[in-house]
């Protein structure tokens, strides 16, 4: 989680203050903006990460690995419903 970006600017101040250290020290899921940028560049430029439709993750030593998607995340009917709802929410349907 990139908890120090402007994405959290609308949250209440206590959340913005406490969430980054929570991610860093408790969940160990904190990623700096610099590290997130490196990972994005890696996905774009590394030939071993070109597989389409994959959710990539990185472990603590920055080694990438492919996550296994759940049945729910791979369900075509749910994907279709999500797409249709999203179209309505953004005014495309």
PDB file of N, CA and C in Angstrom:
ATOM      1  N   UNK A   1       0.839  -1.179   0.000  1.00  0.00           N
ATOM      2  CA  UNK A   1       0.000   0.000   0.000  1.00  0.00           C
ATOM      3  C   UNK A   1       0.884   1.243   0.000  1.00  0.00           C
ATOM      4  N   UNK A   2       0.574   2.172  -0.862  1.00  0.00           N
ATOM      5  CA  UNK A   2       1.322   3.426  -0.950  1.00  0.00           C
ATOM      6  C   UNK A   2       0.568   4.448  -0.107  1.00  0.00           C
ATOM      7  N   UNK A   3       0.752   4.364   1.195  1.00  0.00           N
ATOM      8  CA  UNK A   3      -0.066   5.118   2.148  1.00  0.00           C
ATOM      9  C   UNK A   3       0.328   6.577   2.309  1.00  0.00           C
ATOM     10  N   UNK A   4       1.391   7.019   1.676  1.00  0.00           N
ATOM     11  CA  UNK A   4       1.834   8.408   1.853  1.00  0.00           C
ATOM     12  C   UNK A   4       1.545   9.275   0.635  1.00  0.00           C
ATOM     13  N   UNK A   5       0.753   8.797  -0.306  1.00  0.00           N
ATOM     14  CA  UNK A   5       0.425   9.587  -1.489  1.00  0.00           C
ATOM     15  C   UNK A   5      -0.797  10.461  -1.228  1.00  0.00           C
ATOM     16  N   UNK A   6      -1.116  11.306  -2.179  1.00  0.00           N
ATOM     17  CA  UNK A   6      -2.296  12.148  -2.100  1.00  0.00           C
ATOM     18  C   UNK A   6      -3.603  11.380  -2.185  1.00  0.00           C
ATOM     19  N   UNK A   7      -3.542  10.091  -2.460  1.00  0.00           N
ATOM     20  CA  UNK A   7      -4.768   9.292  -2.538  1.00  0.00           C
ATOM     21  C   UNK A   7      -5.527   9.282  -1.219  1.00  0.00           C
ATOM     22  N   UNK A   8      -4.830   9.561  -0.139  1.00  0.00           N
ATOM     23  CA  UNK A   8      -5.447   9.539   1.183  1.00  0.00           C
ATOM     24  C   UNK A   8      -5.813  10.941   1.682  1.00  0.00           C
ATOM     25  N   UNK A   9      -5.728  11.934   0.832  1.00  0.00           N
ATOM     26  CA  UNK A   9      -5.927  13.327   1.263  1.00  0.00           C
ATOM     27  C   UNK A   9      -7.337  13.624   1.764  1.00  0.00           C
ATOM     28  N   UNK A  10      -8.317  12.847   1.362  1.00  0.00           N
ATOM     29  CA  UNK A  10      -9.701  13.093   1.777  1.00  0.00           C
ATOM     30  C   UNK A  10     -10.055  12.399   3.094  1.00  0.00           C
ATOM     31  N   UNK A  11      -9.165  11.562   3.586  1.00  0.00           N
ATOM     32  CA  UNK A  11      -9.428  10.884   4.859  1.00  0.00           C
ATOM     33  C   UNK A  11      -9.217  11.845   6.020  1.00  0.00           C
ATOM     34  N   UNK A  12      -9.818  11.521   7.135  1.00  0.00           N
ATOM     35  CA  UNK A  12      -9.679  12.357   8.330  1.00  0.00           C
ATOM     36  C   UNK A  12      -8.219  12.363   8.778  1.00  0.00           C
ATOM     37  N   UNK A  13      -7.764  13.476   9.363  1.00  0.00           N
ATOM     38  CA  UNK A  13      -6.351  13.588   9.763  1.00  0.00           C
ATOM     39  C   UNK A  13      -5.816  12.434  10.615  1.00  0.00           C
ATOM     40  N   UNK A  14      -6.576  11.929  11.616  1.00  0.00           N
ATOM     41  CA  UNK A  14      -6.013  10.806  12.390  1.00  0.00           C
ATOM     42  C   UNK A  14      -5.699   9.580  11.521  1.00  0.00           C
ATOM     43  N   UNK A  15      -6.552   9.327  10.533  1.00  0.00           N
ATOM     44  CA  UNK A  15      -6.304   8.199   9.629  1.00  0.00           C
ATOM     45  C   UNK A  15      -5.026   8.431   8.837  1.00  0.00           C
ATOM     46  N   UNK A  16      -4.883   9.639   8.280  1.00  0.00           N
ATOM     47  CA  UNK A  16      -3.687   9.954   7.490  1.00  0.00           C
ATOM     48  C   UNK A  16      -2.422   9.857   8.335  1.00  0.00           C
ATOM     49  N   UNK A  17      -2.534  10.153   9.608  1.00  0.00           N
ATOM     50  CA  UNK A  17      -1.386  10.095  10.501  1.00  0.00           C
ATOM     51  C   UNK A  17      -1.043   8.657  10.896  1.00  0.00           C
ATOM     52  N   UNK A  18      -2.066   7.859  11.177  1.00  0.00           N
ATOM     53  CA  UNK A  18      -1.847   6.524  11.728  1.00  0.00           C
ATOM     54  C   UNK A  18      -1.718   5.407  10.691  1.00  0.00           C
ATOM     55  N   UNK A  19      -2.330   5.587   9.529  1.00  0.00           N
ATOM     56  CA  UNK A  19      -2.344   4.500   8.556  1.00  0.00           C
ATOM     57  C   UNK A  19      -0.953   4.149   8.014  1.00  0.00           C
ATOM     58  N   UNK A  20      -0.117   5.121   7.637  1.00  0.00           N
ATOM     59  CA  UNK A  20       1.215   4.736   7.134  1.00  0.00           C
ATOM     60  C   UNK A  20       2.040   3.910   8.121  1.00  0.00           C
ATOM     61  N   UNK A  21       2.155   4.315   9.412  1.00  0.00           N
ATOM     62  CA  UNK A  21       2.927   3.460  10.319  1.00  0.00           C
ATOM     63  C   UNK A  21       2.267   2.097  10.554  1.00  0.00           C
ATOM     64  N   UNK A  22       0.929   2.059  10.527  1.00  0.00           N
ATOM     65  CA  UNK A  22       0.224   0.784  10.659  1.00  0.00           C
ATOM     66  C   UNK A  22       0.625  -0.148   9.516  1.00  0.00           C
ATOM     67  N   UNK A  23       0.616   0.382   8.291  1.00  0.00           N
ATOM     68  CA  UNK A  23       1.002  -0.413   7.125  1.00  0.00           C
ATOM     69  C   UNK A  23       2.471  -0.835   7.202  1.00  0.00           C
ATOM     70  N   UNK A  24       3.308   0.061   7.676  1.00  0.00           N
ATOM     71  CA  UNK A  24       4.745  -0.206   7.697  1.00  0.00           C
ATOM     72  C   UNK A  24       5.139  -1.208   8.777  1.00  0.00           C
ATOM     73  N   UNK A  25       4.618  -1.045   9.985  1.00  0.00           N
ATOM     74  CA  UNK A  25       5.089  -1.846  11.113  1.00  0.00           C
ATOM     75  C   UNK A  25       4.182  -3.010  11.502  1.00  0.00           C
ATOM     76  N   UNK A  26       2.897  -2.915  11.209  1.00  0.00           N
ATOM     77  CA  UNK A  26       1.968  -3.976  11.610  1.00  0.00           C
ATOM     78  C   UNK A  26       1.719  -4.946  10.454  1.00  0.00           C
ATOM     79  N   UNK A  27       1.218  -4.432   9.329  1.00  0.00           N
ATOM     80  CA  UNK A  27       0.896  -5.319   8.206  1.00  0.00           C
ATOM     81  C   UNK A  27       2.094  -5.611   7.321  1.00  0.00           C
ATOM     82  N   UNK A  28       3.121  -4.794   7.427  1.00  0.00           N
ATOM     83  CA  UNK A  28       4.321  -4.892   6.574  1.00  0.00           C
ATOM     84  C   UNK A  28       3.964  -4.697   5.103  1.00  0.00           C
ATOM     85  N   UNK A  29       2.846  -3.999   4.844  1.00  0.00           N
ATOM     86  CA  UNK A  29       2.401  -3.780   3.479  1.00  0.00           C
ATOM     87  C   UNK A  29       2.730  -2.407   2.936  1.00  0.00           C
ATOM     88  N   UNK A  30       3.508  -1.629   3.665  1.00  0.00           N
ATOM     89  CA  UNK A  30       3.848  -0.272   3.243  1.00  0.00           C
ATOM     90  C   UNK A  30       4.828  -0.305   2.078  1.00  0.00           C
ATOM     91  N   UNK A  31       4.572   0.539   1.087  1.00  0.00           N
ATOM     92  CA  UNK A  31       5.475   0.710  -0.046  1.00  0.00           C
ATOM     93  C   UNK A  31       5.660   2.205  -0.252  1.00  0.00           C
ATOM     94  N   UNK A  32       6.899   2.638  -0.370  1.00  0.00           N
ATOM     95  CA  UNK A  32       7.155   4.060  -0.623  1.00  0.00           C
ATOM     96  C   UNK A  32       6.757   4.400  -2.053  1.00  0.00           C
ATOM     97  N   UNK A  33       6.566   5.683  -2.317  1.00  0.00           N
ATOM     98  CA  UNK A  33       6.245   6.107  -3.680  1.00  0.00           C
ATOM     99  C   UNK A  33       7.371   5.715  -4.629  1.00  0.00           C
ATOM    100  N   UNK A  34       8.607   5.845  -4.167  1.00  0.00           N
ATOM    101  CA  UNK A  34       9.759   5.482  -4.997  1.00  0.00           C
ATOM    102  C   UNK A  34       9.739   3.992  -5.344  1.00  0.00           C
ATOM    103  N   UNK A  35       9.476   3.142  -4.342  1.00  0.00           N
ATOM    104  CA  UNK A  35       9.432   1.697  -4.582  1.00  0.00           C
ATOM    105  C   UNK A  35       8.260   1.334  -5.489  1.00  0.00           C
ATOM    106  N   UNK A  36       7.125   1.982  -5.311  1.00  0.00           N
ATOM    107  CA  UNK A  36       5.971   1.719  -6.176  1.00  0.00           C
ATOM    108  C   UNK A  36       6.300   2.077  -7.621  1.00  0.00           C
ATOM    109  N   UNK A  37       7.003   3.183  -7.812  1.00  0.00           N
ATOM    110  CA  UNK A  37       7.426   3.576  -9.156  1.00  0.00           C
ATOM    111  C   UNK A  37       8.369   2.560  -9.771  1.00  0.00           C
ATOM    112  N   UNK A  38       9.289   2.043  -8.972  1.00  0.00           N
ATOM    113  CA  UNK A  38      10.217   1.019  -9.462  1.00  0.00           C
ATOM    114  C   UNK A  38       9.462  -0.238  -9.881  1.00  0.00           C
ATOM    115  N   UNK A  39       8.467  -0.606  -9.085  1.00  0.00           N
ATOM    116  CA  UNK A  39       7.689  -1.804  -9.404  1.00  0.00           C
ATOM    117  C   UNK A  39       6.881  -1.612 -10.682  1.00  0.00           C
ATOM    118  N   UNK A  40       6.307  -0.436 -10.839  1.00  0.00           N
ATOM    119  CA  UNK A  40       5.564  -0.146 -12.062  1.00  0.00           C
ATOM    120  C   UNK A  40       6.485  -0.210 -13.270  1.00  0.00           C
ATOM    121  N   UNK A  41       7.662   0.397 -13.157  1.00  0.00           N
ATOM    122  CA  UNK A  41       8.633   0.354 -14.255  1.00  0.00           C
ATOM    123  C   UNK A  41       9.051  -1.082 -14.547  1.00  0.00           C
ATOM    124  N   UNK A  42       9.175  -1.888 -13.512  1.00  0.00           N
ATOM    125  CA  UNK A  42       9.553  -3.287 -13.694  1.00  0.00           C
ATOM    126  C   UNK A  42       8.478  -4.043 -14.471  1.00  0.00           C
ATOM    127  N   UNK A  43       7.222  -3.818 -14.128  1.00  0.00           N
ATOM    128  CA  UNK A  43       6.127  -4.496 -14.830  1.00  0.00           C
ATOM    129  C   UNK A  43       6.095  -4.090 -16.303  1.00  0.00           C
ATOM    130  N   UNK A  44       6.392  -2.837 -16.573  1.00  0.00           N
ATOM    131  CA  UNK A  44       6.365  -2.336 -17.951  1.00  0.00           C
ATOM    132  C   UNK A  44       7.559  -2.839 -18.756  1.00  0.00           C
ATOM    133  N   UNK A  45       8.716  -2.965 -18.131  1.00  0.00           N
ATOM    134  CA  UNK A  45       9.941  -3.218 -18.894  1.00  0.00           C
ATOM    135  C   UNK A  45      10.531  -4.624 -18.769  1.00  0.00           C
ATOM    136  N   UNK A  46      10.131  -5.392 -17.777  1.00  0.00           N
ATOM    137  CA  UNK A  46      10.739  -6.697 -17.557  1.00  0.00           C
ATOM    138  C   UNK A  46      10.019  -7.765 -18.375  1.00  0.00           C
ATOM    139  N   UNK A  47      10.711  -8.419 -19.311  1.00  0.00           N
ATOM    140  CA  UNK A  47      10.063  -9.431 -20.153  1.00  0.00           C
ATOM    141  C   UNK A  47       9.431 -10.583 -19.364  1.00  0.00           C
ATOM    142  N   UNK A  48       9.923 -10.868 -18.173  1.00  0.00           N
ATOM    143  CA  UNK A  48       9.346 -11.972 -17.399  1.00  0.00           C
ATOM    144  C   UNK A  48       8.012 -11.594 -16.758  1.00  0.00           C
ATOM    145  N   UNK A  49       7.626 -10.317 -16.845  1.00  0.00           N
ATOM    146  CA  UNK A  49       6.369  -9.860 -16.243  1.00  0.00           C
ATOM    147  C   UNK A  49       5.348  -9.432 -17.296  1.00  0.00           C
ATOM    148  N   UNK A  50       5.450  -9.990 -18.492  1.00  0.00           N
ATOM    149  CA  UNK A  50       4.568  -9.559 -19.586  1.00  0.00           C
ATOM    150  C   UNK A  50       3.269 -10.349 -19.682  1.00  0.00           C
ATOM    151  N   UNK A  51       3.085 -11.354 -18.860  1.00  0.00           N
ATOM    152  CA  UNK A  51       1.862 -12.156 -18.909  1.00  0.00           C
ATOM    153  C   UNK A  51       0.654 -11.275 -18.617  1.00  0.00           C
ATOM    154  N   UNK A  52      -0.325 -11.328 -19.496  1.00  0.00           N
ATOM    155  CA  UNK A  52      -1.523 -10.497 -19.369  1.00  0.00           C
ATOM    156  C   UNK A  52      -2.517 -11.112 -18.388  1.00  0.00           C
ATOM    157  N   UNK A  53      -3.282 -10.241 -17.713  1.00  0.00           N
ATOM    158  CA  UNK A  53      -4.326 -10.701 -16.815  1.00  0.00           C
ATOM    159  C   UNK A  53      -3.813 -11.218 -15.487  1.00  0.00           C
ATOM    160  N   UNK A  54      -2.609 -10.821 -15.121  1.00  0.00           N
ATOM    161  CA  UNK A  54      -1.975 -11.322 -13.904  1.00  0.00           C
ATOM    162  C   UNK A  54      -1.901 -10.214 -12.870  1.00  0.00           C
ATOM    163  N   UNK A  55      -2.086 -10.583 -11.623  1.00  0.00           N
ATOM    164  CA  UNK A  55      -1.924  -9.658 -10.506  1.00  0.00           C
ATOM    165  C   UNK A  55      -0.577  -9.966  -9.873  1.00  0.00           C
ATOM    166  N   UNK A  56       0.373  -9.042 -10.030  1.00  0.00           N
ATOM    167  CA  UNK A  56       1.728  -9.244  -9.522  1.00  0.00           C
ATOM    168  C   UNK A  56       1.861  -8.713  -8.101  1.00  0.00           C
ATOM    169  N   UNK A  57       2.677  -9.383  -7.313  1.00  0.00           N
ATOM    170  CA  UNK A  57       3.017  -8.927  -5.965  1.00  0.00           C
ATOM    171  C   UNK A  57       4.522  -9.011  -5.787  1.00  0.00           C
ATOM    172  N   UNK A  58       4.984  -8.399  -4.721  1.00  0.00           N
ATOM    173  CA  UNK A  58       6.410  -8.420  -4.397  1.00  0.00           C
ATOM    174  C   UNK A  58       6.551  -8.835  -2.948  1.00  0.00           C
ATOM    175  N   UNK A  59       7.557  -9.657  -2.671  1.00  0.00           N
ATOM    176  CA  UNK A  59       7.795 -10.016  -1.280  1.00  0.00           C
ATOM    177  C   UNK A  59       8.750  -9.002  -0.652  1.00  0.00           C
ATOM    178  N   UNK A  60       9.149  -9.234   0.557  1.00  0.00           N
ATOM    179  CA  UNK A  60       9.952  -8.256   1.298  1.00  0.00           C
ATOM    180  C   UNK A  60      11.286  -7.930   0.657  1.00  0.00           C
ATOM    181  N   UNK A  61      11.853  -8.837  -0.122  1.00  0.00           N
ATOM    182  CA  UNK A  61      13.125  -8.522  -0.768  1.00  0.00           C
ATOM    183  C   UNK A  61      12.930  -8.049  -2.205  1.00  0.00           C
ATOM    184  N   UNK A  62      11.736  -7.587  -2.514  1.00  0.00           N
ATOM    185  CA  UNK A  62      11.374  -7.005  -3.812  1.00  0.00           C
ATOM    186  C   UNK A  62      11.361  -8.001  -4.963  1.00  0.00           C
ATOM    187  N   UNK A  63      11.300  -9.292  -4.683  1.00  0.00           N
ATOM    188  CA  UNK A  63      11.158 -10.280  -5.745  1.00  0.00           C
ATOM    189  C   UNK A  63       9.684 -10.364  -6.138  1.00  0.00           C
ATOM    190  N   UNK A  64       9.414 -10.305  -7.429  1.00  0.00           N
ATOM    191  CA  UNK A  64       8.025 -10.338  -7.896  1.00  0.00           C
ATOM    192  C   UNK A  64       7.530 -11.779  -7.981  1.00  0.00           C
ATOM    193  N   UNK A  65       6.215 -11.934  -7.810  1.00  0.00           N
ATOM    194  CA  UNK A  65       5.594 -13.239  -7.996  1.00  0.00           C
ATOM    195  C   UNK A  65       4.145 -13.043  -8.409  1.00  0.00           C
ATOM    196  N   UNK A  66       3.621 -14.039  -9.102  1.00  0.00           N
ATOM    197  CA  UNK A  66       2.246 -13.996  -9.595  1.00  0.00           C
ATOM    198  C   UNK A  66       1.299 -14.488  -8.515  1.00  0.00           C
ATOM    199  N   UNK A  67       0.279 -13.686  -8.229  1.00  0.00           N
ATOM    200  CA  UNK A  67      -0.748 -14.090  -7.273  1.00  0.00           C
ATOM    201  C   UNK A  67      -1.751 -15.002  -7.951  1.00  0.00           C
ATOM    202  N   UNK A  68      -2.271 -15.938  -7.203  1.00  0.00           N
ATOM    203  CA  UNK A  68      -3.348 -16.776  -7.701  1.00  0.00           C
ATOM    204  C   UNK A  68      -4.666 -16.047  -7.457  1.00  0.00           C
ATOM    205  N   UNK A  69      -5.443 -15.873  -8.508  1.00  0.00           N
ATOM    206  CA  UNK A  69      -6.734 -15.205  -8.363  1.00  0.00           C
ATOM    207  C   UNK A  69      -7.757 -16.166  -7.772  1.00  0.00           C
ATOM    208  N   UNK A  70      -8.630 -15.624  -6.947  1.00  0.00           N
ATOM    209  CA  UNK A  70      -9.696 -16.435  -6.369  1.00  0.00           C
ATOM    210  C   UNK A  70     -10.739 -16.745  -7.436  1.00  0.00           C
ATOM    211  N   UNK A  71     -11.572 -17.729  -7.158  1.00  0.00           N
ATOM    212  CA  UNK A  71     -12.661 -18.053  -8.084  1.00  0.00           C
ATOM    213  C   UNK A  71     -13.569 -16.844  -8.269  1.00  0.00           C
ATOM    214  N   UNK A  72     -13.816 -16.126  -7.184  1.00  0.00           N
ATOM    215  CA  UNK A  72     -14.687 -14.956  -7.250  1.00  0.00           C
ATOM    216  C   UNK A  72     -14.100 -13.884  -8.168  1.00  0.00           C
ATOM    217  N   UNK A  73     -12.802 -13.650  -8.068  1.00  0.00           N
ATOM    218  CA  UNK A  73     -12.159 -12.635  -8.904  1.00  0.00           C
ATOM    219  C   UNK A  73     -12.099 -13.057 -10.363  1.00  0.00           C
ATOM    220  N   UNK A  74     -12.205 -14.355 -10.620  1.00  0.00           N
ATOM    221  CA  UNK A  74     -12.139 -14.881 -11.983  1.00  0.00           C
ATOM    222  C   UNK A  74     -13.510 -15.184 -12.576  1.00  0.00           C
ATOM    223  N   UNK A  75     -14.575 -14.888 -11.856  1.00  0.00           N
ATOM    224  CA  UNK A  75     -15.935 -15.211 -12.284  1.00  0.00           C
ATOM    225  C   UNK A  75     -16.384 -14.264 -13.397  1.00  0.00           C
ATOM    226  N   UNK A  76     -16.615 -14.771 -14.619  1.00  0.00           N
ATOM    227  CA  UNK A  76     -16.995 -13.901 -15.736  1.00  0.00           C
ATOM    228  C   UNK A  76     -18.342 -13.195 -15.541  1.00  0.00           C
ATOM    229  N   UNK A  77     -19.278 -13.848 -14.855  1.00  0.00           N
ATOM    230  CA  UNK A  77     -20.577 -13.214 -14.607  1.00  0.00           C
ATOM    231  C   UNK A  77     -20.435 -12.030 -13.659  1.00  0.00           C
ATOM    232  N   UNK A  78     -19.640 -12.193 -12.617  1.00  0.00           N
ATOM    233  CA  UNK A  78     -19.404 -11.084 -11.689  1.00  0.00           C
ATOM    234  C   UNK A  78     -18.634  -9.964 -12.375  1.00  0.00           C
ATOM    235  N   UNK A  79     -17.708 -10.324 -13.247  1.00  0.00           N
ATOM    236  CA  UNK A  79     -16.952  -9.315 -13.992  1.00  0.00           C
ATOM    237  C   UNK A  79     -17.890  -8.507 -14.887  1.00  0.00           C
ATOM    238  N   UNK A  80     -18.811  -9.191 -15.543  1.00  0.00           N
ATOM    239  CA  UNK A  80     -19.772  -8.513 -16.415  1.00  0.00           C
ATOM    240  C   UNK A  80     -20.661  -7.566 -15.608  1.00  0.00           C
ATOM    241  N   UNK A  81     -21.144  -8.044 -14.468  1.00  0.00           N
ATOM    242  CA  UNK A  81     -22.000  -7.217 -13.615  1.00  0.00           C
ATOM    243  C   UNK A  81     -21.232  -5.991 -13.108  1.00  0.00           C
ATOM    244  N   UNK A  82     -19.992  -6.185 -12.685  1.00  0.00           N
ATOM    245  CA  UNK A  82     -19.160  -5.071 -12.225  1.00  0.00           C
ATOM    246  C   UNK A  82     -18.952  -4.057 -13.341  1.00  0.00           C
ATOM    247  N   UNK A  83     -18.702  -4.538 -14.553  1.00  0.00           N
ATOM    248  CA  UNK A  83     -18.505  -3.649 -15.694  1.00  0.00           C
ATOM    249  C   UNK A  83     -19.770  -2.828 -15.950  1.00  0.00           C
ATOM    250  N   UNK A  84     -20.917  -3.487 -15.944  1.00  0.00           N
ATOM    251  CA  UNK A  84     -22.185  -2.794 -16.201  1.00  0.00           C
ATOM    252  C   UNK A  84     -22.478  -1.746 -15.126  1.00  0.00           C
ATOM    253  N   UNK A  85     -22.257  -2.088 -13.876  1.00  0.00           N
ATOM    254  CA  UNK A  85     -22.468  -1.128 -12.785  1.00  0.00           C
ATOM    255  C   UNK A  85     -21.503   0.046 -12.927  1.00  0.00           C
ATOM    256  N   UNK A  86     -20.249  -0.249 -13.264  1.00  0.00           N
ATOM    257  CA  UNK A  86     -19.250   0.812 -13.439  1.00  0.00           C
ATOM    258  C   UNK A  86     -19.641   1.756 -14.566  1.00  0.00           C
ATOM    259  N   UNK A  87     -20.147   1.200 -15.670  1.00  0.00           N
ATOM    260  CA  UNK A  87     -20.596   2.041 -16.782  1.00  0.00           C
ATOM    261  C   UNK A  87     -21.703   2.993 -16.337  1.00  0.00           C
ATOM    262  N   UNK A  88     -22.640   2.484 -15.552  1.00  0.00           N
ATOM    263  CA  UNK A  88     -23.731   3.323 -15.057  1.00  0.00           C
ATOM    264  C   UNK A  88     -23.212   4.414 -14.128  1.00  0.00           C
ATOM    265  N   UNK A  89     -22.284   4.042 -13.245  1.00  0.00           N
ATOM    266  CA  UNK A  89     -21.760   5.004 -12.273  1.00  0.00           C
ATOM    267  C   UNK A  89     -21.002   6.158 -12.925  1.00  0.00           C
ATOM    268  N   UNK A  90     -20.352   5.886 -14.049  1.00  0.00           N
ATOM    269  CA  UNK A  90     -19.588   6.952 -14.714  1.00  0.00           C
ATOM    270  C   UNK A  90     -20.355   7.579 -15.878  1.00  0.00           C
ATOM    271  N   UNK A  91     -21.618   7.181 -16.042  1.00  0.00           N
ATOM    272  CA  UNK A  91     -22.469   7.807 -17.045  1.00  0.00           C
ATOM    273  C   UNK A  91     -22.271   7.310 -18.465  1.00  0.00           C
ATOM    274  N   UNK A  92     -21.757   6.103 -18.644  1.00  0.00           N
ATOM    275  CA  UNK A  92     -21.561   5.554 -19.986  1.00  0.00           C
ATOM    276  C   UNK A  92     -22.688   4.623 -20.412  1.00  0.00           C
ATOM    277  N   UNK A  93     -23.627   4.360 -19.512  1.00  0.00           N
ATOM    278  CA  UNK A  93     -24.735   3.457 -19.861  1.00  0.00           C
ATOM    279  C   UNK A  93     -26.056   4.093 -19.486  1.00  0.00           C
TER     280      UNK A  93
END
